[in-house]
Amino acid sequence: MSDNDESSEETSNLSPSEIEELQRKNCVFCHIASGKVPARKVYEDDVCLAILDINPAGPGHVLLMPKQHYTVMFNVPEDVLGHVFIIAKALSQAGLKALQAKGSTIFAANGVAAGQRAPHFMLHVIPRTPSDGVGLYIPSRALPEKQAEQIAAALATALGGRKGEAPVDATPAKQDSGQKGETAPEVKQDDPKQGKTSGKKSDAIDLDAIASLLAKEGK
């Protein structure tokens, strides 16, 4: 019996919570979030962490992740996910300011089939310029009308079938944010004059500080 077979047999006897705990112990990004593994931090709060990718697609390529271990987007509570995307917006703006980028690419490799390499959900925030050579290619293919209708119907059914109706399997917004006894911070919309986001439970996002870090590391 190979080591892989033994490992598979061991994990098959574990409960979902035990498997999650094992994944957390072996996750390098959980170790980064807890400070056990060093990384170049660009932003951090109680809920999420943004670090520079050690093998970036381009200058200022940031990995933004919840501190709590979630394997894929489906597992991330809605309040945590909303907060992460607000920080992604701030990081995108900081990249434009610090690195004179002309745009940004923001994506998640959600699952192995989508190219996910590490079992910890994260967003990639990549400042872009027209000649940066970043090869994110999405092919354009013809789709027969009947097949398109079937796909649209299947997706609509999975989402509940009507506008505004929650998906059948949607999880409630009030979930554990990864900090015991706490929920994700309530974050307000950006103040256009200050370029910051403020909330009752979170510190204001200092775009100037983030931009300064990105500029320093992007040189």
C-alpha atoms as a PDB file:
ATOM      1  CA  MET A   1       0.000   0.000   0.000  1.00  0.00           C
ATOM      2  CA  SER A   2       1.358   3.417  -0.964  1.00  0.00           C
ATOM      3  CA  ASP A   3       1.551   6.464   1.294  1.00  0.00           C
ATOM      4  CA  ASN A   4      -1.269   8.062  -0.705  1.00  0.00           C
ATOM      5  CA  ASP A   5      -3.513   5.042  -0.151  1.00  0.00           C
ATOM      6  CA  GLU A   6      -2.803   5.124   3.585  1.00  0.00           C
ATOM      7  CA  SER A   7      -3.525   8.852   3.706  1.00  0.00           C
ATOM      8  CA  SER A   8      -6.833   8.396   1.838  1.00  0.00           C
ATOM      9  CA  GLU A   9      -7.868   5.600   4.198  1.00  0.00           C
ATOM     10  CA  GLU A  10      -7.083   7.739   7.242  1.00  0.00           C
ATOM     11  CA  THR A  11      -9.061  10.753   6.016  1.00  0.00           C
ATOM     12  CA  SER A  12     -12.043   8.570   5.027  1.00  0.00           C
ATOM     13  CA  ASN A  13     -12.534   7.742   8.712  1.00  0.00           C
ATOM     14  CA  LEU A  14     -12.556  11.396   9.785  1.00  0.00           C
ATOM     15  CA  SER A  15     -15.616  13.576  10.314  1.00  0.00           C
ATOM     16  CA  PRO A  16     -16.036  16.728   8.176  1.00  0.00           C
ATOM     17  CA  SER A  17     -14.944  18.911  11.102  1.00  0.00           C
ATOM     18  CA  GLU A  18     -11.857  16.727  11.670  1.00  0.00           C
ATOM     19  CA  ILE A  19     -10.968  16.908   7.968  1.00  0.00           C
ATOM     20  CA  GLU A  20     -11.351  20.710   8.069  1.00  0.00           C
ATOM     21  CA  GLU A  21      -9.084  20.905  11.107  1.00  0.00           C
ATOM     22  CA  LEU A  22      -6.479  18.722   9.348  1.00  0.00           C
ATOM     23  CA  GLN A  23      -6.621  20.959   6.270  1.00  0.00           C
ATOM     24  CA  ARG A  24      -6.188  24.024   8.456  1.00  0.00           C
ATOM     25  CA  LYS A  25      -3.128  22.566  10.166  1.00  0.00           C
ATOM     26  CA  ASN A  26      -1.534  21.787   6.788  1.00  0.00           C
ATOM     27  CA  CYS A  27      -2.541  25.042   5.047  1.00  0.00           C
ATOM     28  CA  VAL A  28       0.381  27.395   4.420  1.00  0.00           C
ATOM     29  CA  PHE A  29      -1.991  30.360   4.069  1.00  0.00           C
ATOM     30  CA  CYS A  30      -3.494  29.645   7.496  1.00  0.00           C
ATOM     31  CA  HIS A  31       0.072  29.690   8.825  1.00  0.00           C
ATOM     32  CA  ILE A  32       0.661  33.017   7.075  1.00  0.00           C
ATOM     33  CA  ALA A  33      -2.555  34.435   8.552  1.00  0.00           C
ATOM     34  CA  SER A  34      -1.527  33.357  12.059  1.00  0.00           C
ATOM     35  CA  GLY A  35       1.992  34.807  11.644  1.00  0.00           C
ATOM     36  CA  LYS A  36       3.774  31.453  11.708  1.00  0.00           C
ATOM     37  CA  VAL A  37       5.020  31.911   8.134  1.00  0.00           C
ATOM     38  CA  PRO A  38       6.403  35.303   7.004  1.00  0.00           C
ATOM     39  CA  ALA A  39       4.880  37.155   4.063  1.00  0.00           C
ATOM     40  CA  ARG A  40       4.886  40.661   2.595  1.00  0.00           C
ATOM     41  CA  LYS A  41       1.638  42.038   3.996  1.00  0.00           C
ATOM     42  CA  VAL A  42      -0.158  44.807   2.152  1.00  0.00           C
ATOM     43  CA  TYR A  43      -3.337  44.924   4.235  1.00  0.00           C
ATOM     44  CA  GLU A  44      -4.696  43.186   7.343  1.00  0.00           C
ATOM     45  CA  ASP A  45      -7.745  43.426   9.576  1.00  0.00           C
ATOM     46  CA  ASP A  46      -9.624  41.031  11.864  1.00  0.00           C
ATOM     47  CA  VAL A  47     -11.281  39.226   8.951  1.00  0.00           C
ATOM     48  CA  CYS A  48      -8.850  39.129   6.039  1.00  0.00           C
ATOM     49  CA  LEU A  49      -5.253  39.468   4.938  1.00  0.00           C
ATOM     50  CA  ALA A  50      -3.656  40.687   1.696  1.00  0.00           C
ATOM     51  CA  ILE A  51      -0.104  39.664   0.784  1.00  0.00           C
ATOM     52  CA  LEU A  52       2.098  39.979  -2.275  1.00  0.00           C
ATOM     53  CA  ASP A  53       2.250  36.833  -4.408  1.00  0.00           C
ATOM     54  CA  ILE A  54       5.811  35.422  -4.271  1.00  0.00           C
ATOM     55  CA  ASN A  55       5.488  34.468  -7.965  1.00  0.00           C
ATOM     56  CA  PRO A  56       3.440  37.396  -9.285  1.00  0.00           C
ATOM     57  CA  ALA A  57       1.855  37.717 -12.686  1.00  0.00           C
ATOM     58  CA  GLY A  58       3.001  41.338 -12.520  1.00  0.00           C
ATOM     59  CA  PRO A  59       4.071  44.034 -10.042  1.00  0.00           C
ATOM     60  CA  GLY A  60       1.564  44.474  -7.244  1.00  0.00           C
ATOM     61  CA  HIS A  61      -0.109  41.049  -7.697  1.00  0.00           C
ATOM     62  CA  VAL A  62      -1.891  40.584  -4.357  1.00  0.00           C
ATOM     63  CA  LEU A  63      -3.461  37.512  -2.767  1.00  0.00           C
ATOM     64  CA  LEU A  64      -6.438  38.503  -0.618  1.00  0.00           C
ATOM     65  CA  MET A  65      -7.882  35.842   1.681  1.00  0.00           C
ATOM     66  CA  PRO A  66     -10.073  35.343   4.726  1.00  0.00           C
ATOM     67  CA  LYS A  67      -7.986  34.527   7.798  1.00  0.00           C
ATOM     68  CA  GLN A  68     -10.347  31.682   8.653  1.00  0.00           C
ATOM     69  CA  HIS A  69      -9.840  28.553   6.552  1.00  0.00           C
ATOM     70  CA  TYR A  70     -12.415  28.148   3.789  1.00  0.00           C
ATOM     71  CA  THR A  71     -11.585  25.856   0.896  1.00  0.00           C
ATOM     72  CA  VAL A  72     -13.818  27.374  -1.809  1.00  0.00           C
ATOM     73  CA  MET A  73     -16.134  30.372  -2.176  1.00  0.00           C
ATOM     74  CA  PHE A  74     -19.277  28.346  -1.430  1.00  0.00           C
ATOM     75  CA  ASN A  75     -18.027  27.754   2.129  1.00  0.00           C
ATOM     76  CA  VAL A  76     -17.343  31.431   2.890  1.00  0.00           C
ATOM     77  CA  PRO A  77     -20.105  33.122   4.951  1.00  0.00           C
ATOM     78  CA  GLU A  78     -21.787  35.927   3.049  1.00  0.00           C
ATOM     79  CA  ASP A  79     -20.759  38.664   5.488  1.00  0.00           C
ATOM     80  CA  VAL A  80     -17.108  37.599   5.296  1.00  0.00           C
ATOM     81  CA  LEU A  81     -17.246  37.350   1.502  1.00  0.00           C
ATOM     82  CA  GLY A  82     -18.795  40.818   1.232  1.00  0.00           C
ATOM     83  CA  HIS A  83     -16.048  42.284   3.386  1.00  0.00           C
ATOM     84  CA  VAL A  84     -13.340  40.574   1.298  1.00  0.00           C
ATOM     85  CA  PHE A  85     -14.722  42.089  -1.907  1.00  0.00           C
ATOM     86  CA  ILE A  86     -14.836  45.565  -0.357  1.00  0.00           C
ATOM     87  CA  ILE A  87     -11.136  45.205   0.482  1.00  0.00           C
ATOM     88  CA  ALA A  88     -10.501  43.953  -3.070  1.00  0.00           C
ATOM     89  CA  LYS A  89     -12.015  47.206  -4.348  1.00  0.00           C
ATOM     90  CA  ALA A  90      -9.665  49.221  -2.139  1.00  0.00           C
ATOM     91  CA  LEU A  91      -6.649  47.180  -3.273  1.00  0.00           C
ATOM     92  CA  SER A  92      -7.603  47.736  -6.907  1.00  0.00           C
ATOM     93  CA  GLN A  93      -7.791  51.499  -6.349  1.00  0.00           C
ATOM     94  CA  ALA A  94      -4.460  51.471  -4.503  1.00  0.00           C
ATOM     95  CA  GLY A  95      -2.803  49.632  -7.406  1.00  0.00           C
ATOM     96  CA  LEU A  96      -4.011  52.261  -9.857  1.00  0.00           C
ATOM     97  CA  LYS A  97      -2.596  55.009  -7.649  1.00  0.00           C
ATOM     98  CA  ALA A  98       0.696  53.407  -6.587  1.00  0.00           C
ATOM     99  CA  LEU A  99       1.813  51.668  -9.760  1.00  0.00           C
ATOM    100  CA  GLN A 100       0.198  53.856 -12.412  1.00  0.00           C
ATOM    101  CA  ALA A 101      -1.784  50.819 -13.536  1.00  0.00           C
ATOM    102  CA  LYS A 102      -4.482  51.312 -16.147  1.00  0.00           C
ATOM    103  CA  GLY A 103      -6.819  48.655 -14.795  1.00  0.00           C
ATOM    104  CA  SER A 104      -6.969  45.551 -12.655  1.00  0.00           C
ATOM    105  CA  THR A 105      -7.880  41.896 -12.997  1.00  0.00           C
ATOM    106  CA  ILE A 106      -9.667  40.377 -10.010  1.00  0.00           C
ATOM    107  CA  PHE A 107     -10.436  36.667 -10.004  1.00  0.00           C
ATOM    108  CA  ALA A 108     -10.790  33.549  -7.879  1.00  0.00           C
ATOM    109  CA  ALA A 109      -9.605  30.117  -8.987  1.00  0.00           C
ATOM    110  CA  ASN A 110     -12.538  28.356  -7.337  1.00  0.00           C
ATOM    111  CA  GLY A 111     -11.906  24.593  -7.360  1.00  0.00           C
ATOM    112  CA  VAL A 112      -9.290  22.364  -8.946  1.00  0.00           C
ATOM    113  CA  ALA A 113     -11.044  22.429 -12.323  1.00  0.00           C
ATOM    114  CA  ALA A 114     -10.668  26.218 -12.312  1.00  0.00           C
ATOM    115  CA  GLY A 115      -6.940  26.045 -11.587  1.00  0.00           C
ATOM    116  CA  GLN A 116      -7.033  26.378  -7.797  1.00  0.00           C
ATOM    117  CA  ARG A 117      -3.685  25.263  -6.405  1.00  0.00           C
ATOM    118  CA  ALA A 118      -4.011  25.901  -2.673  1.00  0.00           C
ATOM    119  CA  PRO A 119      -7.070  24.693  -0.697  1.00  0.00           C
ATOM    120  CA  HIS A 120      -7.684  28.136   0.831  1.00  0.00           C
ATOM    121  CA  PHE A 121     -10.112  30.510  -0.870  1.00  0.00           C
ATOM    122  CA  MET A 122      -8.554  33.742  -2.057  1.00  0.00           C
ATOM    123  CA  LEU A 123      -8.927  36.542  -4.571  1.00  0.00           C
ATOM    124  CA  HIS A 124      -6.135  37.543  -6.929  1.00  0.00           C
ATOM    125  CA  VAL A 125      -5.930  41.311  -7.429  1.00  0.00           C
ATOM    126  CA  ILE A 126      -3.550  42.137 -10.287  1.00  0.00           C
ATOM    127  CA  PRO A 127      -2.779  45.715 -11.419  1.00  0.00           C
ATOM    128  CA  ARG A 128      -2.744  45.780 -15.228  1.00  0.00           C
ATOM    129  CA  THR A 129      -1.129  47.754 -18.032  1.00  0.00           C
ATOM    130  CA  PRO A 130      -1.736  47.263 -21.766  1.00  0.00           C
ATOM    131  CA  SER A 131       1.689  45.679 -22.387  1.00  0.00           C
ATOM    132  CA  ASP A 132       2.117  43.627 -19.189  1.00  0.00           C
ATOM    133  CA  GLY A 133       1.935  40.276 -20.987  1.00  0.00           C
ATOM    134  CA  VAL A 134      -0.373  38.713 -18.400  1.00  0.00           C
ATOM    135  CA  GLY A 135      -2.019  35.851 -20.271  1.00  0.00           C
ATOM    136  CA  LEU A 136      -5.525  35.608 -18.880  1.00  0.00           C
ATOM    137  CA  TYR A 137      -7.282  34.312 -21.985  1.00  0.00           C
ATOM    138  CA  ILE A 138     -11.005  33.471 -22.068  1.00  0.00           C
ATOM    139  CA  PRO A 139     -12.016  31.829 -25.354  1.00  0.00           C
ATOM    140  CA  SER A 140     -15.144  32.879 -27.218  1.00  0.00           C
ATOM    141  CA  ARG A 141     -17.182  29.964 -28.569  1.00  0.00           C
ATOM    142  CA  ALA A 142     -20.515  29.652 -30.355  1.00  0.00           C
ATOM    143  CA  LEU A 143     -23.314  28.043 -28.351  1.00  0.00           C
ATOM    144  CA  PRO A 144     -26.425  26.543 -29.994  1.00  0.00           C
ATOM    145  CA  GLU A 145     -29.596  28.377 -28.991  1.00  0.00           C
ATOM    146  CA  LYS A 146     -31.291  25.256 -27.600  1.00  0.00           C
ATOM    147  CA  GLN A 147     -28.303  24.459 -25.414  1.00  0.00           C
ATOM    148  CA  ALA A 148     -28.123  28.065 -24.209  1.00  0.00           C
ATOM    149  CA  GLU A 149     -31.804  27.924 -23.206  1.00  0.00           C
ATOM    150  CA  GLN A 150     -31.245  24.677 -21.301  1.00  0.00           C
ATOM    151  CA  ILE A 151     -28.248  26.096 -19.465  1.00  0.00           C
ATOM    152  CA  ALA A 152     -30.117  29.309 -18.585  1.00  0.00           C
ATOM    153  CA  ALA A 153     -33.072  27.295 -17.286  1.00  0.00           C
ATOM    154  CA  ALA A 154     -30.842  25.011 -15.197  1.00  0.00           C
ATOM    155  CA  LEU A 155     -29.031  27.967 -13.636  1.00  0.00           C
ATOM    156  CA  ALA A 156     -32.303  29.798 -12.929  1.00  0.00           C
ATOM    157  CA  THR A 157     -33.696  26.674 -11.242  1.00  0.00           C
ATOM    158  CA  ALA A 158     -30.579  26.278  -9.116  1.00  0.00           C
ATOM    159  CA  LEU A 159     -30.852  29.930  -8.047  1.00  0.00           C
ATOM    160  CA  GLY A 160     -34.504  29.647  -7.058  1.00  0.00           C
ATOM    161  CA  GLY A 161     -36.167  30.491 -10.342  1.00  0.00           C
ATOM    162  CA  ARG A 162     -37.286  34.063  -9.633  1.00  0.00           C
ATOM    163  CA  LYS A 163     -35.588  37.437  -9.276  1.00  0.00           C
ATOM    164  CA  GLY A 164     -34.654  38.257  -5.721  1.00  0.00           C
ATOM    165  CA  GLU A 165     -35.358  34.752  -4.417  1.00  0.00           C
ATOM    166  CA  ALA A 166     -32.539  33.226  -2.401  1.00  0.00           C
ATOM    167  CA  PRO A 167     -30.926  30.028  -3.736  1.00  0.00           C
ATOM    168  CA  VAL A 168     -32.396  26.843  -2.310  1.00  0.00           C
ATOM    169  CA  ASP A 169     -29.103  25.879  -0.671  1.00  0.00           C
ATOM    170  CA  ALA A 170     -28.048  29.394   0.280  1.00  0.00           C
ATOM    171  CA  THR A 171     -26.588  29.667   3.764  1.00  0.00           C
ATOM    172  CA  PRO A 172     -27.769  32.425   6.109  1.00  0.00           C
ATOM    173  CA  ALA A 173     -25.668  35.572   6.289  1.00  0.00           C
ATOM    174  CA  LYS A 174     -25.229  35.214  10.058  1.00  0.00           C
ATOM    175  CA  GLN A 175     -22.431  32.692  10.345  1.00  0.00           C
ATOM    176  CA  ASP A 176     -19.159  32.268  12.131  1.00  0.00           C
ATOM    177  CA  SER A 177     -16.723  34.728  10.551  1.00  0.00           C
ATOM    178  CA  GLY A 178     -13.722  32.786  11.783  1.00  0.00           C
ATOM    179  CA  GLN A 179     -13.271  34.840  14.942  1.00  0.00           C
ATOM    180  CA  LYS A 180     -15.004  33.043  17.821  1.00  0.00           C
ATOM    181  CA  GLY A 181     -17.782  35.071  19.342  1.00  0.00           C
ATOM    182  CA  GLU A 182     -17.543  37.739  16.618  1.00  0.00           C
ATOM    183  CA  THR A 183     -19.147  38.511  13.303  1.00  0.00           C
ATOM    184  CA  ALA A 184     -17.541  40.139  10.312  1.00  0.00           C
ATOM    185  CA  PRO A 185     -17.208  43.906  10.621  1.00  0.00           C
ATOM    186  CA  GLU A 186     -19.981  46.149   9.364  1.00  0.00           C
ATOM    187  CA  VAL A 187     -18.400  48.176   6.592  1.00  0.00           C
ATOM    188  CA  LYS A 188     -19.887  51.279   5.010  1.00  0.00           C
ATOM    189  CA  GLN A 189     -19.444  52.475   1.454  1.00  0.00           C
ATOM    190  CA  ASP A 190     -16.326  54.360   0.438  1.00  0.00           C
ATOM    191  CA  ASP A 191     -16.067  58.035   1.257  1.00  0.00           C
ATOM    192  CA  PRO A 192     -15.137  59.545  -2.134  1.00  0.00           C
ATOM    193  CA  LYS A 193     -13.418  62.497  -0.477  1.00  0.00           C
ATOM    194  CA  GLN A 194     -11.218  60.441   1.825  1.00  0.00           C
ATOM    195  CA  GLY A 195     -10.748  57.291  -0.272  1.00  0.00           C
ATOM    196  CA  LYS A 196     -11.381  55.193   2.837  1.00  0.00           C
ATOM    197  CA  THR A 197     -13.961  52.721   4.014  1.00  0.00           C
ATOM    198  CA  SER A 198     -15.162  52.963   7.589  1.00  0.00           C
ATOM    199  CA  GLY A 199     -17.315  50.714   9.742  1.00  0.00           C
ATOM    200  CA  LYS A 200     -18.479  50.237  13.286  1.00  0.00           C
ATOM    201  CA  LYS A 201     -16.159  47.314  13.965  1.00  0.00           C
ATOM    202  CA  SER A 202     -13.334  47.769  11.460  1.00  0.00           C
ATOM    203  CA  ASP A 203     -10.604  50.335  11.126  1.00  0.00           C
ATOM    204  CA  ALA A 204     -10.728  52.680   8.136  1.00  0.00           C
ATOM    205  CA  ILE A 205      -8.975  51.392   5.058  1.00  0.00           C
ATOM    206  CA  ASP A 206      -5.946  53.601   4.504  1.00  0.00           C
ATOM    207  CA  LEU A 207      -5.591  53.642   0.718  1.00  0.00           C
ATOM    208  CA  ASP A 208      -2.506  55.831   0.911  1.00  0.00           C
ATOM    209  CA  ALA A 209      -0.742  53.304   3.144  1.00  0.00           C
ATOM    210  CA  ILE A 210      -1.693  50.407   0.873  1.00  0.00           C
ATOM    211  CA  ALA A 211      -0.620  52.355  -2.201  1.00  0.00           C
ATOM    212  CA  SER A 212       2.702  53.180  -0.556  1.00  0.00           C
ATOM    213  CA  LEU A 213       3.367  49.515   0.199  1.00  0.00           C
ATOM    214  CA  LEU A 214       2.453  48.445  -3.327  1.00  0.00           C
ATOM    215  CA  ALA A 215       4.698  51.134  -4.826  1.00  0.00           C
ATOM    216  CA  LYS A 216       7.606  50.092  -2.620  1.00  0.00           C
ATOM    217  CA  GLU A 217       7.305  46.399  -3.420  1.00  0.00           C
ATOM    218  CA  GLY A 218       6.547  47.000  -7.089  1.00  0.00           C
ATOM    219  CA  LYS A 219       9.848  48.700  -7.794  1.00  0.00           C
END
